[in-house]
């Protein structure tokens, strides 16, 4: 009988251990947004972020300790869409232009999770290298206020078309705030003309800063 008790105790202990192993381990919290240093360079352009105007982006990967920097939100989203880029993304932050006071260089502390942000695309405002930009905001109200002044369309991250961030753009004017469609410009001014494959076939880079 003593052996039987020991056997049942061992079985009970094993079952408890299995139950503990089956419990889902809570995921680690995502890393906090970093602040742009004087040496931060764009992933695609290799230039200092300080040399580009407009909202910026940063992507954190599980496989590296420092963030990947982007001189535009458009490039940030392109990284997420391109199949050849790393997929171990743990956090994506973009500048909240509703809280930023300086369009050229958004201040420290103006970051928002890109997956929770609201974006205005096709507005009159341009981002890094004068390319069409997806302007991010922490709230829908702030995005709508920007749209009322600068035009464009409201979108969430997953709703932004691939062609908007991967297609070639018209860089005839490199000044932020250059007119685009709906502001006296041709209907296709500043608009991408195709997806990633189409851009490659024409010999253009899919990235505005590349």
N, C-alpha and C. Protein backbone atom coordinates (compact mmCIF):
# COMPACT_ATOMS: atom_id res chain seq x y z
N UNK A 1 0.83 -1.21 0.00
CA UNK A 1 0.00 0.00 0.00
C UNK A 1 0.86 1.26 0.00
N UNK A 2 2.03 1.19 0.69
CA UNK A 2 2.89 2.35 0.74
C UNK A 2 3.43 2.68 -0.65
N UNK A 3 3.75 1.64 -1.42
CA UNK A 3 4.23 1.85 -2.79
C UNK A 3 3.14 2.50 -3.63
N UNK A 4 1.89 2.05 -3.41
CA UNK A 4 0.78 2.64 -4.16
C UNK A 4 0.62 4.12 -3.86
N UNK A 5 0.76 4.47 -2.56
CA UNK A 5 0.63 5.88 -2.21
C UNK A 5 1.72 6.71 -2.87
N UNK A 6 2.95 6.18 -2.88
CA UNK A 6 4.06 6.88 -3.51
C UNK A 6 3.80 7.06 -4.99
N UNK A 7 3.27 5.99 -5.64
CA UNK A 7 2.99 6.06 -7.08
C UNK A 7 1.97 7.13 -7.38
N UNK A 8 0.87 7.16 -6.61
CA UNK A 8 -0.17 8.17 -6.85
C UNK A 8 0.34 9.58 -6.58
N UNK A 9 1.21 9.71 -5.58
CA UNK A 9 1.79 11.02 -5.30
C UNK A 9 2.65 11.49 -6.47
N UNK A 10 3.43 10.54 -7.02
CA UNK A 10 4.27 10.90 -8.16
C UNK A 10 3.42 11.30 -9.36
N UNK A 11 2.33 10.57 -9.59
CA UNK A 11 1.43 10.90 -10.70
C UNK A 11 0.84 12.29 -10.51
N UNK A 12 0.40 12.57 -9.26
CA UNK A 12 -0.18 13.88 -8.97
C UNK A 12 0.82 15.00 -9.19
N UNK A 13 2.08 14.78 -8.77
CA UNK A 13 3.11 15.79 -8.95
C UNK A 13 3.38 16.03 -10.43
N UNK A 14 3.42 14.95 -11.20
CA UNK A 14 3.67 15.07 -12.64
C UNK A 14 2.55 15.85 -13.32
N UNK A 15 1.31 15.60 -12.92
CA UNK A 15 0.18 16.31 -13.49
C UNK A 15 0.23 17.80 -13.15
N UNK A 16 0.65 18.11 -11.94
CA UNK A 16 0.77 19.52 -11.56
C UNK A 16 1.85 20.22 -12.38
N UNK A 17 2.96 19.50 -12.63
CA UNK A 17 4.04 20.08 -13.41
C UNK A 17 3.60 20.32 -14.84
N UNK A 18 2.84 19.36 -15.41
CA UNK A 18 2.34 19.53 -16.77
C UNK A 18 1.39 20.70 -16.87
N UNK A 19 0.54 20.86 -15.86
CA UNK A 19 -0.41 21.97 -15.86
C UNK A 19 0.33 23.30 -15.80
N UNK A 20 1.41 23.34 -15.00
CA UNK A 20 2.18 24.57 -14.92
C UNK A 20 2.85 24.90 -16.24
N UNK A 21 3.33 23.85 -16.95
CA UNK A 21 3.98 24.08 -18.24
C UNK A 21 3.00 24.57 -19.29
N UNK A 22 1.71 24.14 -19.13
CA UNK A 22 0.70 24.51 -20.12
C UNK A 22 0.24 25.95 -19.96
N UNK A 23 0.51 26.54 -18.80
CA UNK A 23 0.08 27.91 -18.60
C UNK A 23 0.84 28.84 -19.53
N UNK A 24 0.13 29.74 -20.19
CA UNK A 24 0.76 30.66 -21.13
C UNK A 24 1.64 31.65 -20.38
N UNK A 25 2.86 31.79 -20.84
CA UNK A 25 3.77 32.76 -20.24
C UNK A 25 3.41 34.14 -20.78
N UNK A 26 3.11 35.10 -19.92
CA UNK A 26 2.73 36.42 -20.42
C UNK A 26 3.86 37.04 -21.24
N UNK A 27 3.53 37.65 -22.37
CA UNK A 27 4.58 38.24 -23.22
C UNK A 27 5.24 39.43 -22.53
N UNK A 28 6.50 39.62 -22.85
CA UNK A 28 7.22 40.75 -22.29
C UNK A 28 6.67 42.05 -22.87
N UNK A 29 6.62 43.11 -22.09
CA UNK A 29 6.13 44.39 -22.63
C UNK A 29 7.03 44.89 -23.74
N UNK A 30 6.48 45.56 -24.73
CA UNK A 30 7.31 46.07 -25.83
C UNK A 30 8.27 47.15 -25.32
N UNK A 31 9.40 47.31 -25.98
CA UNK A 31 10.34 48.37 -25.57
C UNK A 31 9.71 49.74 -25.76
N UNK A 32 10.10 50.65 -24.91
CA UNK A 32 9.61 52.03 -25.03
C UNK A 32 10.24 52.71 -26.22
N UNK A 33 9.60 53.75 -26.69
CA UNK A 33 10.14 54.52 -27.80
C UNK A 33 11.46 55.16 -27.39
N UNK A 34 12.44 55.14 -28.30
CA UNK A 34 13.71 55.81 -28.07
C UNK A 34 13.62 57.23 -28.60
N UNK A 35 14.56 58.06 -28.23
CA UNK A 35 14.61 59.43 -28.76
C UNK A 35 15.72 59.53 -29.80
N UNK A 36 15.49 60.35 -30.79
CA UNK A 36 16.44 60.48 -31.89
C UNK A 36 17.73 61.13 -31.40
N UNK A 37 18.83 60.45 -31.63
CA UNK A 37 20.14 61.02 -31.28
C UNK A 37 20.68 61.81 -32.46
N UNK A 38 21.74 62.55 -32.21
CA UNK A 38 22.36 63.34 -33.28
C UNK A 38 22.95 62.45 -34.36
N UNK A 39 23.23 61.18 -34.02
CA UNK A 39 23.85 60.27 -34.97
C UNK A 39 22.85 59.34 -35.65
N UNK A 40 21.57 59.41 -35.30
CA UNK A 40 20.57 58.50 -35.87
C UNK A 40 20.48 58.70 -37.38
N UNK A 41 20.56 57.60 -38.13
CA UNK A 41 20.51 57.66 -39.59
C UNK A 41 19.36 56.82 -40.12
N UNK A 42 18.81 57.23 -41.25
CA UNK A 42 17.71 56.51 -41.88
C UNK A 42 18.15 55.17 -42.42
N UNK A 43 17.32 54.17 -42.24
CA UNK A 43 17.64 52.80 -42.65
C UNK A 43 17.87 52.70 -44.15
N UNK A 44 17.10 53.39 -44.94
CA UNK A 44 17.20 53.28 -46.39
C UNK A 44 18.09 54.35 -47.02
N UNK A 45 18.08 55.55 -46.48
CA UNK A 45 18.84 56.63 -47.11
C UNK A 45 20.26 56.75 -46.57
N UNK A 46 20.50 56.26 -45.34
CA UNK A 46 21.82 56.37 -44.75
C UNK A 46 22.19 57.78 -44.34
N UNK A 47 21.20 58.67 -44.32
CA UNK A 47 21.45 60.07 -43.97
C UNK A 47 20.93 60.35 -42.56
N UNK A 48 21.45 61.40 -41.95
CA UNK A 48 21.01 61.78 -40.61
C UNK A 48 19.53 62.15 -40.63
N UNK A 49 18.80 61.71 -39.62
CA UNK A 49 17.38 62.08 -39.53
C UNK A 49 17.21 63.59 -39.43
N UNK A 50 18.20 64.24 -38.83
CA UNK A 50 18.14 65.70 -38.67
C UNK A 50 18.15 66.42 -40.01
N UNK A 51 18.58 65.73 -41.07
CA UNK A 51 18.63 66.34 -42.39
C UNK A 51 17.30 66.25 -43.13
N UNK A 52 16.32 65.59 -42.54
CA UNK A 52 15.02 65.41 -43.18
C UNK A 52 13.92 66.08 -42.36
N UNK A 53 12.99 66.68 -43.03
CA UNK A 53 11.87 67.31 -42.36
C UNK A 53 10.68 66.35 -42.28
N UNK A 54 9.80 66.61 -41.32
CA UNK A 54 8.58 65.83 -41.20
C UNK A 54 8.68 64.73 -40.17
N UNK A 55 7.59 63.97 -39.99
CA UNK A 55 7.55 62.90 -38.99
C UNK A 55 8.52 61.77 -39.33
N UNK A 56 9.05 61.15 -38.29
CA UNK A 56 10.01 60.05 -38.42
C UNK A 56 9.41 58.76 -37.86
N UNK A 57 10.16 57.67 -37.97
CA UNK A 57 9.70 56.40 -37.45
C UNK A 57 10.83 55.58 -36.87
N UNK A 58 10.49 54.63 -36.02
CA UNK A 58 11.47 53.70 -35.45
C UNK A 58 10.83 52.34 -35.29
N UNK A 59 11.58 51.30 -35.61
CA UNK A 59 11.10 49.93 -35.47
C UNK A 59 12.07 49.16 -34.57
N UNK A 60 11.51 48.45 -33.61
CA UNK A 60 12.29 47.63 -32.69
C UNK A 60 12.12 46.16 -33.07
N UNK A 61 13.25 45.44 -33.16
CA UNK A 61 13.25 44.03 -33.48
C UNK A 61 13.68 43.21 -32.26
N UNK A 62 13.16 41.99 -32.16
CA UNK A 62 13.57 41.11 -31.07
C UNK A 62 15.04 40.73 -31.19
N UNK A 63 15.57 40.77 -32.41
CA UNK A 63 16.93 40.31 -32.67
C UNK A 63 18.00 41.37 -32.50
N UNK A 64 17.62 42.59 -32.12
CA UNK A 64 18.63 43.63 -31.91
C UNK A 64 18.22 44.55 -30.77
N UNK A 65 19.21 45.18 -30.16
CA UNK A 65 18.93 46.00 -28.98
C UNK A 65 18.58 47.44 -29.31
N UNK A 66 19.06 47.95 -30.42
CA UNK A 66 18.79 49.33 -30.79
C UNK A 66 17.73 49.39 -31.89
N UNK A 67 16.95 50.46 -31.94
CA UNK A 67 15.90 50.56 -32.96
C UNK A 67 16.46 50.84 -34.35
N UNK A 68 15.68 50.52 -35.36
CA UNK A 68 15.99 50.90 -36.74
C UNK A 68 15.28 52.22 -36.99
N UNK A 69 16.00 53.22 -37.48
CA UNK A 69 15.43 54.55 -37.67
C UNK A 69 15.02 54.78 -39.12
N UNK A 70 14.00 55.61 -39.29
CA UNK A 70 13.50 55.94 -40.62
C UNK A 70 13.28 57.44 -40.70
N UNK A 71 13.70 58.02 -41.81
CA UNK A 71 13.59 59.47 -41.97
C UNK A 71 12.20 59.90 -42.40
N UNK A 72 11.29 58.95 -42.61
CA UNK A 72 9.90 59.26 -42.92
C UNK A 72 9.01 58.14 -42.43
N UNK A 73 7.75 58.45 -42.22
CA UNK A 73 6.78 57.42 -41.84
C UNK A 73 6.54 56.48 -43.01
N UNK A 74 6.58 57.04 -44.21
CA UNK A 74 6.40 56.22 -45.42
C UNK A 74 7.42 55.08 -45.46
N UNK A 75 8.68 55.37 -45.17
CA UNK A 75 9.71 54.33 -45.16
C UNK A 75 9.48 53.34 -44.02
N UNK A 76 8.99 53.83 -42.90
CA UNK A 76 8.71 52.95 -41.76
C UNK A 76 7.69 51.89 -42.14
N UNK A 77 6.62 52.32 -42.80
CA UNK A 77 5.58 51.38 -43.22
C UNK A 77 6.10 50.47 -44.31
N UNK A 78 6.92 51.00 -45.21
CA UNK A 78 7.49 50.17 -46.28
C UNK A 78 8.29 49.00 -45.69
N UNK A 79 9.05 49.25 -44.63
CA UNK A 79 9.81 48.18 -43.98
C UNK A 79 8.89 47.06 -43.53
N UNK A 80 7.74 47.43 -42.99
CA UNK A 80 6.78 46.42 -42.51
C UNK A 80 6.17 45.63 -43.65
N UNK A 81 6.08 46.22 -44.84
CA UNK A 81 5.41 45.58 -45.97
C UNK A 81 6.36 44.76 -46.86
N UNK A 82 7.63 45.13 -46.91
CA UNK A 82 8.57 44.45 -47.80
C UNK A 82 8.88 43.04 -47.30
N UNK A 83 8.72 42.03 -48.15
CA UNK A 83 8.92 40.64 -47.69
C UNK A 83 10.35 40.32 -47.29
N UNK A 84 11.33 41.04 -47.84
CA UNK A 84 12.72 40.73 -47.53
C UNK A 84 13.21 41.32 -46.22
N UNK A 85 12.42 42.17 -45.59
CA UNK A 85 12.85 42.77 -44.33
C UNK A 85 12.52 41.85 -43.15
N UNK A 86 13.20 42.11 -42.03
CA UNK A 86 13.02 41.29 -40.82
C UNK A 86 11.57 41.32 -40.36
N UNK A 87 11.13 40.20 -39.81
CA UNK A 87 9.73 40.07 -39.38
C UNK A 87 9.58 39.93 -37.87
N UNK A 88 10.70 39.99 -37.12
CA UNK A 88 10.61 39.86 -35.67
C UNK A 88 10.38 41.23 -35.02
N UNK A 89 9.40 41.95 -35.54
CA UNK A 89 9.08 43.29 -35.07
C UNK A 89 8.34 43.21 -33.74
N UNK A 90 8.82 43.92 -32.75
CA UNK A 90 8.16 43.92 -31.44
C UNK A 90 7.52 45.27 -31.11
N UNK A 91 7.90 46.33 -31.82
CA UNK A 91 7.30 47.64 -31.59
C UNK A 91 7.59 48.55 -32.78
N UNK A 92 6.60 49.40 -33.09
CA UNK A 92 6.74 50.39 -34.17
C UNK A 92 6.20 51.71 -33.64
N UNK A 93 7.04 52.74 -33.68
CA UNK A 93 6.62 54.05 -33.22
C UNK A 93 6.80 55.08 -34.34
N UNK A 94 5.88 56.02 -34.40
CA UNK A 94 5.97 57.15 -35.33
C UNK A 94 5.65 58.42 -34.56
N UNK A 95 6.06 59.55 -35.10
CA UNK A 95 5.79 60.83 -34.42
C UNK A 95 4.32 61.17 -34.45
N UNK A 96 3.77 61.50 -33.30
CA UNK A 96 2.40 62.00 -33.20
C UNK A 96 2.42 63.48 -33.55
N UNK A 97 1.98 63.81 -34.76
CA UNK A 97 2.06 65.19 -35.20
C UNK A 97 0.95 66.05 -34.61
N UNK A 98 0.08 65.45 -33.82
CA UNK A 98 -0.91 66.22 -33.09
C UNK A 98 -0.31 66.85 -31.84
N UNK A 99 0.72 66.23 -31.29
CA UNK A 99 1.38 66.78 -30.11
C UNK A 99 2.68 67.47 -30.46
N UNK A 100 3.25 67.20 -31.62
CA UNK A 100 4.49 67.87 -32.04
C UNK A 100 4.20 69.33 -32.40
N UNK A 101 5.09 70.20 -32.02
CA UNK A 101 4.95 71.62 -32.33
C UNK A 101 5.78 72.02 -33.55
N UNK A 102 6.75 71.20 -33.91
CA UNK A 102 7.68 71.53 -34.98
C UNK A 102 7.57 70.50 -36.09
N UNK A 103 7.04 70.87 -37.26
CA UNK A 103 6.90 69.93 -38.36
C UNK A 103 8.27 69.44 -38.84
N UNK A 104 9.24 70.33 -38.91
CA UNK A 104 10.55 69.96 -39.45
C UNK A 104 11.22 68.90 -38.61
N UNK A 105 11.24 69.09 -37.30
CA UNK A 105 11.88 68.15 -36.39
C UNK A 105 11.01 67.97 -35.16
N UNK A 106 10.09 66.99 -35.16
CA UNK A 106 9.22 66.77 -34.01
C UNK A 106 10.02 66.58 -32.72
N UNK A 107 9.51 67.14 -31.65
CA UNK A 107 10.22 67.14 -30.37
C UNK A 107 10.24 65.75 -29.73
N UNK A 108 11.12 65.60 -28.74
CA UNK A 108 11.18 64.37 -27.96
C UNK A 108 9.86 64.16 -27.23
N UNK A 109 9.49 62.91 -27.05
CA UNK A 109 8.27 62.58 -26.33
C UNK A 109 7.01 62.60 -27.18
N UNK A 110 7.16 62.76 -28.49
CA UNK A 110 5.98 62.85 -29.37
C UNK A 110 5.79 61.56 -30.17
N UNK A 111 5.98 60.41 -29.51
CA UNK A 111 5.86 59.13 -30.20
C UNK A 111 4.52 58.46 -29.91
N UNK A 112 4.03 57.71 -30.89
CA UNK A 112 2.79 56.96 -30.73
C UNK A 112 2.98 55.60 -31.40
N UNK A 113 2.38 54.58 -30.83
CA UNK A 113 2.40 53.24 -31.43
C UNK A 113 1.73 53.32 -32.80
N UNK A 114 2.46 52.93 -33.84
CA UNK A 114 1.93 53.04 -35.20
C UNK A 114 0.66 52.22 -35.40
N UNK A 115 0.53 51.13 -34.67
CA UNK A 115 -0.64 50.27 -34.84
C UNK A 115 -1.88 50.87 -34.19
N UNK A 116 -1.68 51.84 -33.32
CA UNK A 116 -2.81 52.51 -32.68
C UNK A 116 -3.07 53.89 -33.28
N UNK A 117 -2.21 54.32 -34.18
CA UNK A 117 -2.29 55.68 -34.71
C UNK A 117 -3.33 55.82 -35.82
N UNK A 118 -3.68 57.08 -36.08
CA UNK A 118 -4.51 57.47 -37.22
C UNK A 118 -3.61 58.21 -38.19
N UNK A 119 -3.77 57.95 -39.49
CA UNK A 119 -2.90 58.55 -40.50
C UNK A 119 -3.72 59.36 -41.50
N UNK A 120 -3.09 60.43 -41.98
CA UNK A 120 -3.64 61.18 -43.10
C UNK A 120 -2.70 60.97 -44.29
N UNK A 121 -3.24 60.41 -45.36
CA UNK A 121 -2.47 60.21 -46.59
C UNK A 121 -2.99 61.17 -47.67
N UNK A 122 -2.14 61.43 -48.65
CA UNK A 122 -2.51 62.31 -49.77
C UNK A 122 -2.78 63.75 -49.33
N UNK A 123 -2.15 64.19 -48.27
CA UNK A 123 -2.32 65.59 -47.86
C UNK A 123 -1.36 66.48 -48.64
N UNK A 124 -1.43 67.78 -48.40
CA UNK A 124 -0.54 68.73 -49.05
C UNK A 124 0.86 68.73 -48.43
N UNK A 125 1.02 68.16 -47.25
CA UNK A 125 2.30 68.18 -46.57
C UNK A 125 3.17 67.01 -47.03
N UNK A 126 4.46 67.30 -47.19
CA UNK A 126 5.42 66.29 -47.62
C UNK A 126 6.36 65.92 -46.49
N UNK A 127 6.88 64.69 -46.58
CA UNK A 127 7.80 64.21 -45.56
C UNK A 127 9.24 64.26 -46.02
N UNK A 128 10.07 63.31 -45.54
CA UNK A 128 11.48 63.26 -45.88
C UNK A 128 11.72 63.23 -47.38
N UNK A 129 12.68 64.00 -47.87
CA UNK A 129 13.04 64.10 -49.28
C UNK A 129 11.89 64.65 -50.13
N UNK A 130 10.93 65.29 -49.51
CA UNK A 130 9.83 65.87 -50.25
C UNK A 130 8.83 64.86 -50.77
N UNK A 131 8.85 63.64 -50.27
CA UNK A 131 7.95 62.59 -50.75
C UNK A 131 6.59 62.68 -50.08
N UNK A 132 5.58 62.11 -50.74
CA UNK A 132 4.26 62.02 -50.12
C UNK A 132 4.37 61.24 -48.81
N UNK A 133 3.63 61.67 -47.81
CA UNK A 133 3.79 61.14 -46.46
C UNK A 133 2.48 60.61 -45.91
N UNK A 134 2.59 59.68 -44.97
CA UNK A 134 1.47 59.22 -44.17
C UNK A 134 1.64 59.89 -42.80
N UNK A 135 0.89 60.93 -42.55
CA UNK A 135 1.09 61.76 -41.36
C UNK A 135 0.34 61.15 -40.18
N UNK A 136 1.04 60.78 -39.10
CA UNK A 136 0.41 60.06 -37.99
C UNK A 136 -0.08 60.96 -36.84
N UNK A 137 -1.13 60.49 -36.20
CA UNK A 137 -1.71 61.18 -35.05
C UNK A 137 -2.16 60.15 -34.02
N UNK A 138 -2.11 60.56 -32.75
CA UNK A 138 -2.53 59.67 -31.68
C UNK A 138 -4.04 59.56 -31.59
N UNK A 139 -4.77 60.57 -32.04
CA UNK A 139 -6.23 60.56 -31.94
C UNK A 139 -6.87 60.85 -33.29
N UNK A 140 -8.05 60.33 -33.47
CA UNK A 140 -8.80 60.58 -34.71
C UNK A 140 -9.15 62.06 -34.83
N UNK A 141 -9.48 62.69 -33.72
CA UNK A 141 -9.85 64.11 -33.75
C UNK A 141 -8.71 64.97 -34.26
N UNK A 142 -7.48 64.70 -33.80
CA UNK A 142 -6.33 65.47 -34.26
C UNK A 142 -6.07 65.23 -35.74
N UNK A 143 -6.25 63.99 -36.18
CA UNK A 143 -6.07 63.68 -37.60
C UNK A 143 -7.10 64.41 -38.46
N UNK A 144 -8.33 64.43 -38.01
CA UNK A 144 -9.38 65.12 -38.76
C UNK A 144 -9.14 66.62 -38.81
N UNK A 145 -8.61 67.19 -37.74
CA UNK A 145 -8.30 68.61 -37.72
C UNK A 145 -7.21 68.92 -38.75
N UNK A 146 -6.19 68.06 -38.83
CA UNK A 146 -5.13 68.23 -39.81
C UNK A 146 -5.69 68.10 -41.23
N UNK A 147 -6.55 67.13 -41.44
CA UNK A 147 -7.14 66.91 -42.76
C UNK A 147 -7.97 68.09 -43.21
N UNK A 148 -8.66 68.72 -42.29
CA UNK A 148 -9.47 69.88 -42.64
C UNK A 148 -8.60 71.03 -43.15
N UNK A 149 -7.38 71.12 -42.66
CA UNK A 149 -6.48 72.21 -43.06
C UNK A 149 -5.62 71.86 -44.27
N UNK A 150 -5.19 70.60 -44.34
CA UNK A 150 -4.21 70.23 -45.37
C UNK A 150 -4.74 69.22 -46.38
N UNK A 151 -5.98 68.80 -46.25
CA UNK A 151 -6.53 67.84 -47.20
C UNK A 151 -6.05 66.43 -46.90
N UNK A 152 -6.43 65.50 -47.76
CA UNK A 152 -6.02 64.11 -47.60
C UNK A 152 -7.15 63.20 -47.16
N UNK A 153 -6.78 61.97 -46.84
CA UNK A 153 -7.74 60.94 -46.45
C UNK A 153 -7.31 60.28 -45.15
N UNK A 154 -8.28 59.91 -44.34
CA UNK A 154 -8.02 59.26 -43.05
C UNK A 154 -7.85 57.76 -43.26
N UNK A 155 -6.86 57.17 -42.57
CA UNK A 155 -6.62 55.73 -42.69
C UNK A 155 -5.96 55.20 -41.42
N UNK A 156 -6.20 53.92 -41.15
CA UNK A 156 -5.43 53.22 -40.12
C UNK A 156 -4.25 52.55 -40.81
N UNK A 157 -3.31 52.05 -40.03
CA UNK A 157 -2.07 51.51 -40.57
C UNK A 157 -2.32 50.44 -41.63
N UNK A 158 -3.17 49.47 -41.33
CA UNK A 158 -3.41 48.37 -42.26
C UNK A 158 -4.19 48.79 -43.49
N UNK A 159 -4.81 49.96 -43.45
CA UNK A 159 -5.61 50.43 -44.59
C UNK A 159 -4.78 51.20 -45.62
N UNK A 160 -3.56 51.58 -45.28
CA UNK A 160 -2.72 52.34 -46.20
C UNK A 160 -2.28 51.41 -47.33
N UNK A 161 -2.57 51.74 -48.59
CA UNK A 161 -2.22 50.84 -49.70
C UNK A 161 -0.72 50.62 -49.83
N UNK A 162 -0.32 49.42 -50.24
CA UNK A 162 1.09 49.14 -50.48
C UNK A 162 1.68 50.11 -51.49
N UNK A 163 0.91 50.45 -52.53
CA UNK A 163 1.42 51.33 -53.58
C UNK A 163 1.78 52.70 -53.03
N UNK A 164 1.12 53.11 -51.98
CA UNK A 164 1.38 54.45 -51.42
C UNK A 164 2.76 54.51 -50.77
N UNK A 165 3.21 53.39 -50.20
CA UNK A 165 4.50 53.39 -49.50
C UNK A 165 5.60 52.69 -50.29
N UNK A 166 5.26 51.91 -51.30
CA UNK A 166 6.27 51.17 -52.06
C UNK A 166 6.45 51.69 -53.47
N UNK A 167 5.46 52.39 -54.01
CA UNK A 167 5.56 52.86 -55.38
C UNK A 167 6.43 54.08 -55.52
N UNK A 168 6.93 54.35 -56.74
CA UNK A 168 7.74 55.55 -56.98
C UNK A 168 6.92 56.80 -56.81
N UNK A 169 7.57 57.90 -56.49
CA UNK A 169 6.87 59.16 -56.28
C UNK A 169 7.50 60.24 -57.15
N UNK A 170 6.73 61.28 -57.37
CA UNK A 170 7.21 62.44 -58.13
C UNK A 170 7.90 63.39 -57.17
N UNK A 171 9.22 63.53 -57.33
CA UNK A 171 9.99 64.40 -56.45
C UNK A 171 10.36 65.70 -57.16
N UNK A 172 9.50 66.15 -58.08
CA UNK A 172 9.76 67.39 -58.80
C UNK A 172 9.98 68.53 -57.82
N UNK A 173 9.14 68.57 -56.77
CA UNK A 173 9.32 69.56 -55.71
C UNK A 173 9.73 68.83 -54.45
N UNK A 174 10.80 69.28 -53.80
CA UNK A 174 11.28 68.63 -52.58
C UNK A 174 10.99 69.46 -51.35
N UNK A 175 10.12 70.42 -51.49
CA UNK A 175 9.79 71.27 -50.34
C UNK A 175 8.57 70.74 -49.62
N UNK A 176 8.64 70.58 -48.27
CA UNK A 176 7.46 70.18 -47.53
C UNK A 176 6.32 71.16 -47.78
N UNK A 177 5.12 70.62 -47.90
CA UNK A 177 3.97 71.47 -48.15
C UNK A 177 3.76 71.73 -49.62
N UNK A 178 4.52 71.04 -50.51
CA UNK A 178 4.34 71.23 -51.94
C UNK A 178 2.95 70.77 -52.34
N UNK A 179 2.31 71.41 -53.34
CA UNK A 179 0.96 71.04 -53.72
C UNK A 179 0.89 69.65 -54.32
N UNK A 180 -0.18 68.95 -53.99
CA UNK A 180 -0.44 67.64 -54.56
C UNK A 180 -1.84 67.67 -55.11
N UNK A 181 -2.33 66.50 -55.55
CA UNK A 181 -3.65 66.43 -56.14
C UNK A 181 -4.69 67.08 -55.23
N UNK A 182 -5.58 67.85 -55.82
CA UNK A 182 -6.61 68.51 -55.04
C UNK A 182 -6.20 69.90 -54.62
N UNK A 183 -4.96 70.32 -54.97
CA UNK A 183 -4.50 71.65 -54.58
C UNK A 183 -3.96 72.40 -55.80
N UNK A 184 -4.60 72.19 -56.95
CA UNK A 184 -4.19 72.86 -58.16
C UNK A 184 -3.10 72.14 -58.91
N UNK A 185 -2.71 70.93 -58.46
CA UNK A 185 -1.68 70.16 -59.12
C UNK A 185 -2.33 69.12 -60.00
N UNK A 186 -1.59 68.51 -60.95
CA UNK A 186 -2.15 67.43 -61.76
C UNK A 186 -2.65 66.31 -60.88
N UNK A 187 -3.60 65.55 -61.36
CA UNK A 187 -4.25 64.52 -60.55
C UNK A 187 -3.27 63.47 -60.06
N UNK A 188 -2.17 63.22 -60.81
CA UNK A 188 -1.24 62.19 -60.39
C UNK A 188 0.02 62.76 -59.76
N UNK A 189 0.05 64.05 -59.47
CA UNK A 189 1.25 64.64 -58.89
C UNK A 189 1.50 64.10 -57.50
N UNK A 190 2.72 63.63 -57.29
CA UNK A 190 3.11 63.14 -55.97
C UNK A 190 2.52 61.80 -55.62
N UNK A 191 1.84 61.13 -56.55
CA UNK A 191 1.22 59.86 -56.24
C UNK A 191 2.05 58.70 -56.75
N UNK A 192 2.10 57.60 -56.02
CA UNK A 192 2.83 56.42 -56.50
C UNK A 192 2.16 55.87 -57.75
N UNK A 193 2.95 55.31 -58.64
CA UNK A 193 2.40 54.82 -59.90
C UNK A 193 2.35 53.31 -59.98
N UNK A 194 2.73 52.64 -58.92
CA UNK A 194 2.65 51.19 -58.95
C UNK A 194 3.17 50.60 -57.68
N UNK A 195 3.03 49.26 -57.53
CA UNK A 195 3.51 48.57 -56.35
C UNK A 195 5.00 48.32 -56.43
N UNK A 196 5.50 47.49 -55.52
CA UNK A 196 6.92 47.22 -55.41
C UNK A 196 7.48 46.64 -56.70
N UNK A 197 6.77 45.65 -57.27
CA UNK A 197 7.24 45.02 -58.49
C UNK A 197 7.27 45.99 -59.64
N UNK A 198 6.25 46.82 -59.76
CA UNK A 198 6.21 47.78 -60.85
C UNK A 198 7.34 48.77 -60.73
N UNK A 199 7.65 49.18 -59.52
CA UNK A 199 8.73 50.15 -59.32
C UNK A 199 10.06 49.54 -59.74
N UNK A 200 10.30 48.27 -59.40
CA UNK A 200 11.55 47.64 -59.76
C UNK A 200 11.69 47.52 -61.26
N UNK A 201 10.59 47.21 -61.93
CA UNK A 201 10.63 47.03 -63.37
C UNK A 201 11.00 48.33 -64.07
N UNK A 202 10.68 49.48 -63.47
CA UNK A 202 10.99 50.76 -64.06
C UNK A 202 12.35 51.28 -63.62
N UNK A 203 13.00 50.52 -62.75
CA UNK A 203 14.32 50.93 -62.30
C UNK A 203 14.30 51.95 -61.20
N UNK A 204 13.15 52.16 -60.55
CA UNK A 204 13.06 53.12 -59.45
C UNK A 204 13.14 52.38 -58.12
N UNK A 205 13.65 53.08 -57.12
CA UNK A 205 13.63 52.54 -55.77
C UNK A 205 12.24 52.70 -55.18
N UNK A 206 11.75 51.69 -54.42
CA UNK A 206 10.44 51.83 -53.79
C UNK A 206 10.46 52.77 -52.61
N UNK A 207 11.63 53.27 -52.23
CA UNK A 207 11.74 54.10 -51.04
C UNK A 207 12.08 55.53 -51.43
N UNK A 208 11.40 56.49 -50.86
CA UNK A 208 11.63 57.88 -51.23
C UNK A 208 13.02 58.38 -50.89
N UNK A 209 13.66 57.76 -49.88
CA UNK A 209 14.96 58.27 -49.43
C UNK A 209 16.13 57.44 -49.93
N UNK A 210 15.88 56.45 -50.77
CA UNK A 210 16.92 55.52 -51.16
C UNK A 210 17.70 56.03 -52.37
